[in-house]
Amino acid sequence: MLTIYAPSNKPQSKCWEVFKGIQASWSDKVKIHSNDVPYFLHDDSDSMFWGLVNNNTNLIHQICETGQTWWFTDTPYFGRFDNNNLQPDNHYWRICKDNIHVSYVAGLDTKRISKFNVAVKSQIKNGEHILVCPSSNGIHGFLGIHDWLEKTVTELKKHTDRPIIVRHKPRGRGTSGPSEAVIPIQQQLKNAWACVTSCSISAVESMCEGVPVFCHENSFAKPIGNLNLDAIESPKYSDPTSWLNSLSYQQFTPEEFANGTAVGTLKELKILS
């Protein structure tokens, strides 16, 4: 059994792009439950969420304490939706097991990443500034690190004299992400020594631009990132190709959620049994 916690009073929510497909293709029986409730259903079902809307953060924390399986769906790593250009098969959503970001699966091919025309540049070895990219307040609240930005900047100043540029998540027109950016992140990465983020997807752009990443322990970038800011002057950087392949295999279009591609792929990866 799978219980989907959804804003059932908001039929226009983009969560239904995922949830309708899950209802059509999931291996087990699926039921919908409101995510406005204070407590999750204490049964043996897996749980699924979209984003950290309504009471999702509290519900997920409760479920984590029980050890039960939960699934999280949200913004993708590539192929993000654009409200001004929503077309069939032109945008994706990530799906994660027991975490808000996907795990690393080694040894995958380039079939899915090739859809996104991702180019990986050589490492920038003479960069000057440090780009700090905090995640949203919702993510920081979920992780219990509300003061991440202040603490991070303070810690950086202990270990480097490099200029620090803070880039907050772009927002506008009722949405967020690259489409709302006044300054593209690639422009701010052009001469960067490192990108420091909690769990932001800016880690993807950074690695593709050849900029080493420092991230939070819970970040999806942990397999290729640096965790300790005291190493800011000697960051490690490795070829992110295998990591990018892994990310691409854990995000799907609404159509792929509906036609069984998502479920089939997750089973092949042994993420879903």
Protein backbone atom coordinates (compact mmCIF):
# COMPACT_ATOMS: atom_id res chain seq x y z
CA MET A 1 0.00 0.00 0.00
CA LEU A 2 1.15 3.52 -0.81
CA THR A 3 -0.38 6.58 0.86
CA ILE A 4 0.04 9.82 -1.07
CA TYR A 5 -0.18 12.91 1.12
CA ALA A 6 -1.49 15.66 -1.13
CA PRO A 7 -3.21 19.07 -0.99
CA SER A 8 -6.49 17.48 -2.04
CA ASN A 9 -8.22 20.88 -2.07
CA LYS A 10 -5.85 22.18 -4.78
CA PRO A 11 -6.56 20.33 -8.04
CA GLN A 12 -4.41 22.91 -9.90
CA SER A 13 -1.27 22.02 -7.94
CA LYS A 14 1.61 20.64 -10.03
CA CYS A 15 1.88 17.77 -7.57
CA TRP A 16 -0.85 16.02 -9.55
CA GLU A 17 1.49 15.77 -12.54
CA VAL A 18 3.31 13.20 -10.44
CA PHE A 19 0.54 11.77 -8.28
CA LYS A 20 -1.89 10.98 -11.11
CA GLY A 21 0.86 9.04 -12.84
CA ILE A 22 1.77 7.23 -9.64
CA GLN A 23 -1.87 6.26 -9.17
CA ALA A 24 -1.86 4.74 -12.65
CA SER A 25 1.45 2.86 -12.49
CA TRP A 26 2.56 2.13 -8.91
CA SER A 27 3.10 -1.53 -8.03
CA ASP A 28 0.84 -1.48 -4.97
CA LYS A 29 -2.58 -0.08 -4.22
CA VAL A 30 -2.55 3.71 -3.85
CA LYS A 31 -4.70 5.93 -1.64
CA ILE A 32 -4.81 9.72 -1.26
CA HIS A 33 -4.72 11.43 2.12
CA SER A 34 -4.67 15.13 2.97
CA ASN A 35 -1.28 16.59 3.86
CA ASP A 36 -2.97 19.18 6.07
CA VAL A 37 -3.41 16.66 8.87
CA PRO A 38 -1.23 16.87 12.02
CA TYR A 39 -0.35 13.16 12.07
CA PHE A 40 0.39 10.55 9.43
CA LEU A 41 -1.62 7.35 9.13
CA HIS A 42 -0.14 4.82 11.52
CA ASP A 43 -0.45 1.82 9.23
CA ASP A 44 2.04 -0.29 7.28
CA SER A 45 1.82 1.68 4.03
CA ASP A 46 4.67 3.53 2.36
CA SER A 47 4.13 7.29 2.14
CA MET A 48 4.71 9.77 -0.69
CA PHE A 49 5.04 13.56 -0.73
CA TRP A 50 5.55 16.37 -3.23
CA GLY A 51 7.69 19.22 -1.95
CA LEU A 52 7.56 20.59 1.58
CA VAL A 53 4.13 22.19 1.25
CA ASN A 54 1.41 22.26 3.91
CA ASN A 55 2.36 19.91 6.78
CA ASN A 56 4.76 17.71 4.78
CA THR A 57 7.85 18.53 6.84
CA ASN A 58 6.17 17.54 10.10
CA LEU A 59 4.64 14.39 8.58
CA ILE A 60 7.96 13.24 7.11
CA HIS A 61 9.77 13.77 10.41
CA GLN A 62 7.14 11.65 12.16
CA ILE A 63 7.51 8.88 9.60
CA CYS A 64 11.32 8.96 9.88
CA GLU A 65 11.01 8.20 13.58
CA THR A 66 9.12 4.97 12.77
CA GLY A 67 11.58 3.74 10.16
CA GLN A 68 8.85 3.31 7.56
CA THR A 69 9.58 3.92 3.88
CA TRP A 70 8.68 7.29 2.39
CA TRP A 71 9.04 8.80 -1.07
CA PHE A 72 9.67 12.42 -1.95
CA THR A 73 9.06 14.12 -5.29
CA ASP A 74 10.09 17.63 -6.25
CA THR A 75 12.04 19.83 -8.66
CA PRO A 76 14.35 17.91 -11.05
CA TYR A 77 18.08 18.27 -11.56
CA PHE A 78 17.61 18.91 -15.29
CA GLY A 79 14.59 19.83 -17.42
CA ARG A 80 12.77 22.01 -14.93
CA PHE A 81 9.25 23.14 -15.80
CA ASP A 82 8.58 26.60 -17.20
CA ASN A 83 5.10 27.93 -16.51
CA ASN A 84 5.23 29.76 -19.84
CA ASN A 85 6.11 26.66 -21.84
CA LEU A 86 4.41 23.58 -20.40
CA GLN A 87 4.39 20.89 -23.06
CA PRO A 88 4.11 17.07 -23.01
CA ASP A 89 7.39 15.39 -22.13
CA ASN A 90 9.29 18.69 -21.74
CA HIS A 91 9.72 18.83 -17.96
CA TYR A 92 10.64 16.46 -15.16
CA TRP A 93 10.23 15.72 -11.46
CA ARG A 94 12.72 13.92 -9.23
CA ILE A 95 11.70 11.00 -7.04
CA CYS A 96 13.67 10.01 -3.93
CA LYS A 97 13.43 7.20 -1.40
CA ASP A 98 13.73 8.00 2.31
CA ASN A 99 15.32 11.36 1.58
CA ILE A 100 14.56 14.71 -0.03
CA HIS A 101 17.26 14.09 -2.64
CA VAL A 102 18.26 11.04 -4.63
CA SER A 103 21.06 8.63 -3.78
CA TYR A 104 24.05 7.93 -6.00
CA VAL A 105 23.84 4.89 -8.29
CA ALA A 106 27.14 4.10 -10.02
CA GLY A 107 27.68 2.57 -13.44
CA LEU A 108 24.73 4.02 -15.36
CA ASP A 109 24.90 4.91 -19.05
CA THR A 110 24.40 8.31 -20.69
CA LYS A 111 21.06 7.52 -22.35
CA ARG A 112 18.98 9.77 -20.12
CA ILE A 113 21.51 12.54 -19.49
CA SER A 114 21.90 12.94 -23.26
CA LYS A 115 18.37 14.37 -23.38
CA PHE A 116 19.56 17.53 -21.61
CA ASN A 117 22.62 18.54 -23.65
CA VAL A 118 24.71 18.74 -20.50
CA ALA A 119 28.31 19.79 -21.11
CA VAL A 120 30.99 19.39 -18.45
CA LYS A 121 33.85 21.92 -18.52
CA SER A 122 37.35 21.42 -17.18
CA GLN A 123 37.99 22.49 -13.60
CA ILE A 124 38.59 26.19 -13.04
CA LYS A 125 41.90 26.27 -11.19
CA ASN A 126 42.47 30.00 -10.97
CA GLY A 127 39.10 31.19 -9.75
CA GLU A 128 38.86 34.11 -7.38
CA HIS A 129 35.58 34.40 -5.48
CA ILE A 130 33.42 31.94 -3.56
CA LEU A 131 29.76 31.64 -4.55
CA VAL A 132 27.48 30.78 -1.62
CA CYS A 133 24.09 29.33 -2.64
CA PRO A 134 21.76 28.67 0.29
CA SER A 135 18.79 26.37 -0.21
CA SER A 136 15.26 27.60 0.43
CA ASN A 137 14.00 28.37 3.91
CA GLY A 138 11.80 25.28 3.60
CA ILE A 139 14.78 22.99 3.03
CA HIS A 140 16.77 24.61 5.83
CA GLY A 141 13.79 24.23 8.13
CA PHE A 142 13.45 20.57 7.22
CA LEU A 143 17.13 20.00 8.00
CA GLY A 144 17.02 22.13 11.15
CA ILE A 145 19.69 24.55 9.93
CA HIS A 146 17.84 27.88 9.88
CA ASP A 147 21.09 29.79 10.49
CA TRP A 148 23.07 27.96 7.77
CA LEU A 149 23.93 31.08 5.76
CA GLU A 150 25.21 33.12 8.69
CA LYS A 151 27.24 30.24 10.11
CA THR A 152 28.63 29.32 6.71
CA VAL A 153 29.84 32.83 5.87
CA THR A 154 31.37 33.18 9.33
CA GLU A 155 33.19 29.86 8.96
CA LEU A 156 34.43 30.68 5.47
CA LYS A 157 36.01 33.90 6.70
CA LYS A 158 38.08 31.86 9.16
CA HIS A 159 39.71 29.92 6.33
CA THR A 160 39.90 32.26 3.34
CA ASP A 161 40.27 35.90 2.35
CA ARG A 162 38.55 35.39 -1.00
CA PRO A 163 35.52 37.56 -1.87
CA ILE A 164 32.22 35.90 -0.95
CA ILE A 165 29.15 36.34 -3.16
CA VAL A 166 25.78 35.15 -1.83
CA ARG A 167 23.25 33.99 -4.41
CA HIS A 168 19.74 33.41 -3.07
CA LYS A 169 17.28 31.17 -4.88
CA PRO A 170 15.71 33.22 -7.72
CA ARG A 171 11.99 33.83 -7.27
CA GLY A 172 9.29 35.63 -9.26
CA ARG A 173 5.97 35.24 -11.08
CA GLY A 174 4.77 32.81 -8.41
CA THR A 175 7.59 30.35 -9.01
CA SER A 176 11.34 29.92 -8.49
CA GLY A 177 14.39 28.68 -10.30
CA PRO A 178 16.58 29.57 -13.31
CA SER A 179 13.74 31.11 -15.32
CA GLU A 180 13.38 33.82 -12.64
CA ALA A 181 17.07 34.66 -12.33
CA VAL A 182 18.13 38.24 -13.07
CA ILE A 183 21.74 37.06 -13.26
CA PRO A 184 22.27 33.51 -14.62
CA ILE A 185 24.23 31.34 -12.23
CA GLN A 186 26.68 30.47 -15.00
CA GLN A 187 27.71 34.14 -15.04
CA GLN A 188 28.49 34.11 -11.31
CA LEU A 189 30.39 30.84 -11.68
CA LYS A 190 32.66 32.11 -14.47
CA ASN A 191 35.54 33.02 -12.21
CA ALA A 192 34.56 31.14 -9.06
CA TRP A 193 37.01 29.25 -6.89
CA ALA A 194 34.24 27.17 -5.28
CA CYS A 195 30.49 26.96 -4.81
CA VAL A 196 29.27 26.47 -1.24
CA THR A 197 25.71 25.27 -0.83
CA SER A 198 23.58 23.40 1.65
CA CYS A 199 21.43 21.22 -0.65
CA SER A 200 20.78 23.50 -3.63
CA ILE A 201 20.66 22.18 -7.19
CA SER A 202 23.23 24.88 -7.91
CA ALA A 203 25.69 22.04 -7.24
CA VAL A 204 24.83 20.63 -10.67
CA GLU A 205 25.55 23.86 -12.52
CA SER A 206 28.72 24.33 -10.50
CA MET A 207 30.20 20.94 -11.29
CA CYS A 208 29.29 21.32 -14.97
CA GLU A 209 31.07 24.69 -15.02
CA GLY A 210 34.18 23.11 -13.49
CA VAL A 211 33.71 24.69 -10.06
CA PRO A 212 34.28 22.48 -6.97
CA VAL A 213 31.33 22.15 -4.60
CA PHE A 214 31.14 22.24 -0.81
CA CYS A 215 27.84 20.92 0.52
CA HIS A 216 25.82 19.74 3.50
CA GLU A 217 26.02 16.15 4.70
CA ASN A 218 22.44 15.56 3.42
CA SER A 219 23.09 16.97 -0.04
CA PHE A 220 22.73 14.88 -3.17
CA ALA A 221 26.13 16.36 -4.11
CA LYS A 222 27.92 14.59 -1.24
CA PRO A 223 29.39 11.84 -3.51
CA ILE A 224 31.32 14.42 -5.55
CA GLY A 225 31.47 17.32 -3.10
CA ASN A 226 33.55 18.58 -0.20
CA LEU A 227 32.03 18.60 3.27
CA ASN A 228 34.50 20.56 5.41
CA LEU A 229 34.94 24.29 4.91
CA ASP A 230 38.39 24.22 6.47
CA ALA A 231 39.50 22.73 3.13
CA ILE A 232 38.14 25.66 1.11
CA GLU A 233 41.63 26.54 -0.18
CA SER A 234 42.30 22.98 -1.37
CA PRO A 235 38.98 21.67 -2.72
CA LYS A 236 38.70 18.32 -4.43
CA TYR A 237 37.11 18.15 -7.87
CA SER A 238 36.47 14.96 -9.85
CA ASP A 239 34.77 14.15 -13.14
CA PRO A 240 31.02 14.38 -12.36
CA THR A 241 29.84 12.34 -15.39
CA SER A 242 28.85 9.20 -13.47
CA TRP A 243 27.09 11.30 -10.83
CA LEU A 244 25.17 13.24 -13.48
CA ASN A 245 24.09 9.97 -15.10
CA SER A 246 22.75 8.83 -11.74
CA LEU A 247 20.73 12.02 -11.27
CA SER A 248 19.18 11.72 -14.74
CA TYR A 249 17.91 8.21 -14.02
CA GLN A 250 15.94 9.35 -10.97
CA GLN A 251 13.74 12.03 -12.53
CA PHE A 252 10.85 11.59 -14.93
CA THR A 253 8.27 13.46 -16.99
CA PRO A 254 4.60 13.35 -15.97
CA GLU A 255 4.04 11.01 -18.92
CA GLU A 256 6.80 8.67 -17.69
CA PHE A 257 5.23 8.53 -14.25
CA ALA A 258 1.93 7.54 -15.88
CA ASN A 259 3.17 5.00 -18.44
CA GLY A 260 5.28 2.94 -16.05
CA THR A 261 8.71 4.17 -17.15
CA ALA A 262 9.44 5.65 -13.72
CA VAL A 263 8.36 2.54 -11.83
CA GLY A 264 10.22 0.24 -14.22
CA THR A 265 13.42 2.27 -13.97
CA LEU A 266 13.31 2.46 -10.18
CA LYS A 267 12.92 -1.32 -10.09
CA GLU A 268 15.86 -1.81 -12.44
CA LEU A 269 17.95 0.38 -10.15
CA LYS A 270 16.73 -1.69 -7.17
CA ILE A 271 15.42 1.45 -5.50
CA LEU A 272 11.86 0.12 -5.70
CA SER A 273 11.17 -3.53 -4.98
